[in-house]
Amino acid sequence: MGRKKIELKTIECPKEKSSKYSKRKKGLLKKAEEMAVLCDSDIILLVFSPTSKPNLFYPHSRSF
């Protein structure tokens, strides 16, 4: 059975926005790390928070 498609829209409540951001960021970081390990590639993930603070993530680096 498939999942329902949700409508994407901006979250207005700052508290809810911060909570969603943290959870989604964790998921993105996990996927980036998995991709780096499985594909043996260099991955750089740049995410801007709702407060415009940038977060850089280097999950895996190859030794040359």
C-alpha atoms as a PDB file:
ATOM      1  CA  MET A   1       0.000   0.000   0.000  1.00  0.00           C
ATOM      2  CA  GLY A   2       1.406   3.423  -0.945  1.00  0.00           C
ATOM      3  CA  ARG A   3       1.732   6.453   1.211  1.00  0.00           C
ATOM      4  CA  LYS A   4      -0.492   9.473   0.887  1.00  0.00           C
ATOM      5  CA  LYS A   5       1.011  12.427  -0.897  1.00  0.00           C
ATOM      6  CA  ILE A   6       1.260  15.406   1.420  1.00  0.00           C
ATOM      7  CA  GLU A   7       0.917  18.985   0.317  1.00  0.00           C
ATOM      8  CA  LEU A   8       4.140  20.956   0.753  1.00  0.00           C
ATOM      9  CA  LYS A   9       3.674  24.362   2.289  1.00  0.00           C
ATOM     10  CA  THR A  10       5.647  26.745   4.486  1.00  0.00           C
ATOM     11  CA  ILE A  11       5.371  26.122   8.225  1.00  0.00           C
ATOM     12  CA  GLU A  12       4.332  29.355   9.917  1.00  0.00           C
ATOM     13  CA  CYS A  13       4.820  28.439  13.604  1.00  0.00           C
ATOM     14  CA  PRO A  14       8.495  29.111  14.564  1.00  0.00           C
ATOM     15  CA  LYS A  15       8.560  26.370  17.214  1.00  0.00           C
ATOM     16  CA  GLU A  16       7.168  23.766  14.835  1.00  0.00           C
ATOM     17  CA  LYS A  17       9.485  24.964  12.051  1.00  0.00           C
ATOM     18  CA  SER A  18      12.528  24.514  14.297  1.00  0.00           C
ATOM     19  CA  SER A  19      11.404  21.040  15.348  1.00  0.00           C
ATOM     20  CA  LYS A  20      10.793  19.891  11.763  1.00  0.00           C
ATOM     21  CA  TYR A  21      14.122  21.363  10.656  1.00  0.00           C
ATOM     22  CA  SER A  22      16.045  19.394  13.282  1.00  0.00           C
ATOM     23  CA  LYS A  23      14.342  16.113  12.406  1.00  0.00           C
ATOM     24  CA  ARG A  24      14.718  16.563   8.651  1.00  0.00           C
ATOM     25  CA  LYS A  25      18.363  17.611   9.007  1.00  0.00           C
ATOM     26  CA  LYS A  26      19.151  14.404  10.905  1.00  0.00           C
ATOM     27  CA  GLY A  27      17.565  12.384   8.094  1.00  0.00           C
ATOM     28  CA  LEU A  28      19.513  14.252   5.414  1.00  0.00           C
ATOM     29  CA  LEU A  29      22.797  13.790   7.280  1.00  0.00           C
ATOM     30  CA  LYS A  30      22.144  10.066   7.624  1.00  0.00           C
ATOM     31  CA  LYS A  31      21.371   9.691   3.909  1.00  0.00           C
ATOM     32  CA  ALA A  32      24.463  11.700   2.930  1.00  0.00           C
ATOM     33  CA  GLU A  33      26.670   9.527   5.122  1.00  0.00           C
ATOM     34  CA  GLU A  34      25.155   6.321   3.720  1.00  0.00           C
ATOM     35  CA  MET A  35      25.680   7.513   0.161  1.00  0.00           C
ATOM     36  CA  ALA A  36      29.284   8.466   0.865  1.00  0.00           C
ATOM     37  CA  VAL A  37      30.069   5.071   2.367  1.00  0.00           C
ATOM     38  CA  LEU A  38      28.175   2.963  -0.176  1.00  0.00           C
ATOM     39  CA  CYS A  39      29.460   4.817  -3.240  1.00  0.00           C
ATOM     40  CA  ASP A  40      32.919   5.563  -1.811  1.00  0.00           C
ATOM     41  CA  SER A  41      32.532   9.191  -2.797  1.00  0.00           C
ATOM     42  CA  ASP A  42      33.121  12.589  -1.252  1.00  0.00           C
ATOM     43  CA  ILE A  43      29.928  14.267  -0.103  1.00  0.00           C
ATOM     44  CA  ILE A  44      29.479  17.810   1.134  1.00  0.00           C
ATOM     45  CA  LEU A  45      26.102  18.826   2.472  1.00  0.00           C
ATOM     46  CA  LEU A  46      25.313  22.497   3.055  1.00  0.00           C
ATOM     47  CA  VAL A  47      22.070  23.228   4.906  1.00  0.00           C
ATOM     48  CA  PHE A  48      20.794  26.634   5.983  1.00  0.00           C
ATOM     49  CA  SER A  49      18.679  26.749   9.135  1.00  0.00           C
ATOM     50  CA  PRO A  50      15.516  28.855   9.440  1.00  0.00           C
ATOM     51  CA  THR A  51      17.707  31.419  11.225  1.00  0.00           C
ATOM     52  CA  SER A  52      20.007  31.467   8.151  1.00  0.00           C
ATOM     53  CA  LYS A  53      22.855  29.794  10.024  1.00  0.00           C
ATOM     54  CA  PRO A  54      24.768  27.486   7.628  1.00  0.00           C
ATOM     55  CA  ASN A  55      25.645  23.931   8.622  1.00  0.00           C
ATOM     56  CA  LEU A  56      28.385  22.114   6.719  1.00  0.00           C
ATOM     57  CA  PHE A  57      28.667  18.353   6.891  1.00  0.00           C
ATOM     58  CA  TYR A  58      31.513  16.214   5.573  1.00  0.00           C
ATOM     59  CA  PRO A  59      30.384  12.654   6.290  1.00  0.00           C
ATOM     60  CA  HIS A  60      33.205  10.702   4.712  1.00  0.00           C
ATOM     61  CA  SER A  61      36.522  11.510   3.144  1.00  0.00           C
ATOM     62  CA  ARG A  62      38.655   9.254   1.050  1.00  0.00           C
ATOM     63  CA  SER A  63      42.391   9.058   1.637  1.00  0.00           C
ATOM     64  CA  PHE A  64      44.421   9.834  -1.466  1.00  0.00           C
END
